[in-house]
Amino acid sequence: MTFILPAFAEAPAAPGGAAPLFHTFVMMFLIIIIFYFLLIRPQKKRQEEHHRMIEALKKGDEIITSAGIHAQIADIREDHFVLKIADNVRIKATKASISQKISGEAGGEAKSK
């Protein structure tokens, strides 16, 4: 009984040999550039904007936490905020958990819903 094995022949080498390697590096470089401009750079911008928004918050500002809690800032501490949810109801929230500040008009609309 004879076994027939498929032949795995190599493709003929391109003249110069360095061209396919150069093209591979160029393509990898282009992919890295595309990832930077489409994914990494916008994410860094959003993080910087969020950090600036957190630093600009002051006592009395109305905010929404990442959990969806609408509150007013009662006190600002070094690593967290004390939030007023209702009369005589206060909670602590980390600075990173604040998702957005409610502006004057948007705050009224958000409360009415």
C-alpha atoms as a PDB file:
ATOM      1  CA  MET A   1       0.000   0.000   0.000  1.00  0.00           C
ATOM      2  CA  THR A   2       1.368   3.365  -0.985  1.00  0.00           C
ATOM      3  CA  PHE A   3       0.681   6.581   0.827  1.00  0.00           C
ATOM      4  CA  ILE A   4       0.547   9.738  -1.205  1.00  0.00           C
ATOM      5  CA  LEU A   5       1.595  12.782   0.701  1.00  0.00           C
ATOM      6  CA  PRO A   6       0.846  16.253  -0.551  1.00  0.00           C
ATOM      7  CA  ALA A   7       3.851  18.159  -1.682  1.00  0.00           C
ATOM      8  CA  PHE A   8       4.520  21.309   0.252  1.00  0.00           C
ATOM      9  CA  ALA A   9       6.665  23.176  -2.165  1.00  0.00           C
ATOM     10  CA  GLU A  10       7.818  26.641  -1.344  1.00  0.00           C
ATOM     11  CA  ALA A  11       6.915  29.491  -3.623  1.00  0.00           C
ATOM     12  CA  PRO A  12       9.799  30.797  -5.670  1.00  0.00           C
ATOM     13  CA  ALA A  13      11.712  33.465  -3.800  1.00  0.00           C
ATOM     14  CA  ALA A  14      11.256  37.028  -4.986  1.00  0.00           C
ATOM     15  CA  PRO A  15      14.345  38.668  -6.368  1.00  0.00           C
ATOM     16  CA  GLY A  16      16.050  40.706  -3.689  1.00  0.00           C
ATOM     17  CA  GLY A  17      14.358  38.882  -0.805  1.00  0.00           C
ATOM     18  CA  ALA A  18      13.983  42.081   1.252  1.00  0.00           C
ATOM     19  CA  ALA A  19      10.894  43.440  -0.515  1.00  0.00           C
ATOM     20  CA  PRO A  20       8.319  41.201   1.249  1.00  0.00           C
ATOM     21  CA  LEU A  21       9.901  41.954   4.616  1.00  0.00           C
ATOM     22  CA  PHE A  22       9.835  45.688   3.902  1.00  0.00           C
ATOM     23  CA  HIS A  23       6.161  45.493   2.888  1.00  0.00           C
ATOM     24  CA  THR A  24       5.356  43.651   6.088  1.00  0.00           C
ATOM     25  CA  PHE A  25       6.963  46.356   8.221  1.00  0.00           C
ATOM     26  CA  VAL A  26       5.198  49.103   6.270  1.00  0.00           C
ATOM     27  CA  MET A  27       1.823  47.387   6.721  1.00  0.00           C
ATOM     28  CA  MET A  28       2.417  46.884  10.454  1.00  0.00           C
ATOM     29  CA  PHE A  29       3.403  50.528  10.799  1.00  0.00           C
ATOM     30  CA  LEU A  30       0.240  51.631   8.968  1.00  0.00           C
ATOM     31  CA  ILE A  31      -1.928  49.406  11.170  1.00  0.00           C
ATOM     32  CA  ILE A  32      -0.369  50.904  14.310  1.00  0.00           C
ATOM     33  CA  ILE A  33      -0.960  54.437  13.001  1.00  0.00           C
ATOM     34  CA  ILE A  34      -4.588  53.622  12.170  1.00  0.00           C
ATOM     35  CA  PHE A  35      -5.168  52.126  15.624  1.00  0.00           C
ATOM     36  CA  TYR A  36      -3.613  55.185  17.236  1.00  0.00           C
ATOM     37  CA  PHE A  37      -5.820  57.677  15.414  1.00  0.00           C
ATOM     38  CA  LEU A  38      -9.039  55.643  15.570  1.00  0.00           C
ATOM     39  CA  LEU A  39      -8.821  54.136  19.060  1.00  0.00           C
ATOM     40  CA  ILE A  40      -6.068  55.371  21.344  1.00  0.00           C
ATOM     41  CA  ARG A  41      -6.091  59.137  20.663  1.00  0.00           C
ATOM     42  CA  PRO A  42      -9.881  59.629  21.031  1.00  0.00           C
ATOM     43  CA  GLN A  43      -9.890  57.616  24.261  1.00  0.00           C
ATOM     44  CA  LYS A  44      -7.106  59.760  25.718  1.00  0.00           C
ATOM     45  CA  LYS A  45      -9.023  62.907  24.760  1.00  0.00           C
ATOM     46  CA  ARG A  46     -12.166  61.624  26.521  1.00  0.00           C
ATOM     47  CA  GLN A  47     -10.133  60.781  29.633  1.00  0.00           C
ATOM     48  CA  GLU A  48      -8.562  64.255  29.681  1.00  0.00           C
ATOM     49  CA  GLU A  49     -11.977  65.932  29.247  1.00  0.00           C
ATOM     50  CA  HIS A  50     -13.423  63.821  32.082  1.00  0.00           C
ATOM     51  CA  HIS A  51     -10.478  64.699  34.328  1.00  0.00           C
ATOM     52  CA  ARG A  52     -10.915  68.431  33.573  1.00  0.00           C
ATOM     53  CA  MET A  53     -14.652  68.176  34.278  1.00  0.00           C
ATOM     54  CA  ILE A  54     -13.988  66.448  37.632  1.00  0.00           C
ATOM     55  CA  GLU A  55     -11.420  69.086  38.620  1.00  0.00           C
ATOM     56  CA  ALA A  56     -13.838  71.910  37.696  1.00  0.00           C
ATOM     57  CA  LEU A  57     -16.692  70.613  39.869  1.00  0.00           C
ATOM     58  CA  LYS A  58     -17.536  72.680  42.912  1.00  0.00           C
ATOM     59  CA  LYS A  59     -19.881  72.532  45.865  1.00  0.00           C
ATOM     60  CA  GLY A  60     -23.507  72.840  44.790  1.00  0.00           C
ATOM     61  CA  ASP A  61     -23.051  71.455  41.251  1.00  0.00           C
ATOM     62  CA  GLU A  62     -25.578  68.877  40.129  1.00  0.00           C
ATOM     63  CA  ILE A  63     -24.109  65.688  38.712  1.00  0.00           C
ATOM     64  CA  ILE A  64     -24.993  62.209  37.515  1.00  0.00           C
ATOM     65  CA  THR A  65     -22.932  59.250  38.695  1.00  0.00           C
ATOM     66  CA  SER A  66     -22.043  56.297  36.503  1.00  0.00           C
ATOM     67  CA  ALA A  67     -24.729  54.339  38.383  1.00  0.00           C
ATOM     68  CA  GLY A  68     -27.342  56.874  37.250  1.00  0.00           C
ATOM     69  CA  ILE A  69     -27.798  58.629  40.592  1.00  0.00           C
ATOM     70  CA  HIS A  70     -28.715  62.312  40.257  1.00  0.00           C
ATOM     71  CA  ALA A  71     -27.203  64.261  43.127  1.00  0.00           C
ATOM     72  CA  GLN A  72     -25.824  67.576  44.268  1.00  0.00           C
ATOM     73  CA  ILE A  73     -22.271  67.953  45.536  1.00  0.00           C
ATOM     74  CA  ALA A  74     -22.393  68.680  49.272  1.00  0.00           C
ATOM     75  CA  ASP A  75     -18.660  68.484  50.000  1.00  0.00           C
ATOM     76  CA  ILE A  76     -15.445  67.860  48.114  1.00  0.00           C
ATOM     77  CA  ARG A  77     -12.754  65.722  49.696  1.00  0.00           C
ATOM     78  CA  GLU A  78      -9.320  64.777  48.409  1.00  0.00           C
ATOM     79  CA  ASP A  79     -10.321  61.397  46.986  1.00  0.00           C
ATOM     80  CA  HIS A  80     -14.144  61.482  46.945  1.00  0.00           C
ATOM     81  CA  PHE A  81     -17.257  63.640  46.897  1.00  0.00           C
ATOM     82  CA  VAL A  82     -20.035  63.754  49.453  1.00  0.00           C
ATOM     83  CA  LEU A  83     -23.257  63.839  47.453  1.00  0.00           C
ATOM     84  CA  LYS A  84     -26.659  65.022  48.595  1.00  0.00           C
ATOM     85  CA  ILE A  85     -29.388  62.831  47.104  1.00  0.00           C
ATOM     86  CA  ALA A  86     -32.332  64.097  49.150  1.00  0.00           C
ATOM     87  CA  ASP A  87     -32.901  66.041  52.351  1.00  0.00           C
ATOM     88  CA  ASN A  88     -30.713  64.519  55.074  1.00  0.00           C
ATOM     89  CA  VAL A  89     -29.465  61.795  52.692  1.00  0.00           C
ATOM     90  CA  ARG A  90     -25.780  61.966  51.789  1.00  0.00           C
ATOM     91  CA  ILE A  91     -23.499  59.404  50.197  1.00  0.00           C
ATOM     92  CA  LYS A  92     -19.816  59.194  49.366  1.00  0.00           C
ATOM     93  CA  ALA A  93     -18.782  58.699  45.739  1.00  0.00           C
ATOM     94  CA  THR A  94     -15.344  58.368  44.248  1.00  0.00           C
ATOM     95  CA  LYS A  95     -14.333  61.069  41.820  1.00  0.00           C
ATOM     96  CA  ALA A  96     -14.073  58.560  38.987  1.00  0.00           C
ATOM     97  CA  SER A  97     -17.717  57.529  39.437  1.00  0.00           C
ATOM     98  CA  ILE A  98     -19.002  60.949  38.339  1.00  0.00           C
ATOM     99  CA  SER A  99     -20.086  60.605  34.726  1.00  0.00           C
ATOM    100  CA  GLN A 100     -21.398  64.076  33.915  1.00  0.00           C
ATOM    101  CA  LYS A 101     -22.337  67.486  35.232  1.00  0.00           C
ATOM    102  CA  ILE A 102     -25.897  68.623  34.721  1.00  0.00           C
ATOM    103  CA  SER A 103     -26.025  72.131  33.308  1.00  0.00           C
ATOM    104  CA  GLY A 104     -28.697  74.619  34.404  1.00  0.00           C
ATOM    105  CA  GLU A 105     -31.319  73.892  31.723  1.00  0.00           C
ATOM    106  CA  ALA A 106     -30.537  70.188  31.352  1.00  0.00           C
ATOM    107  CA  GLY A 107     -30.798  69.756  35.132  1.00  0.00           C
ATOM    108  CA  GLY A 108     -34.382  71.008  35.152  1.00  0.00           C
ATOM    109  CA  GLU A 109     -35.320  68.758  32.264  1.00  0.00           C
ATOM    110  CA  ALA A 110     -33.634  65.723  33.808  1.00  0.00           C
ATOM    111  CA  LYS A 111     -35.437  66.248  37.131  1.00  0.00           C
ATOM    112  CA  SER A 112     -38.863  66.538  35.493  1.00  0.00           C
ATOM    113  CA  LYS A 113     -38.580  63.085  33.851  1.00  0.00           C
END
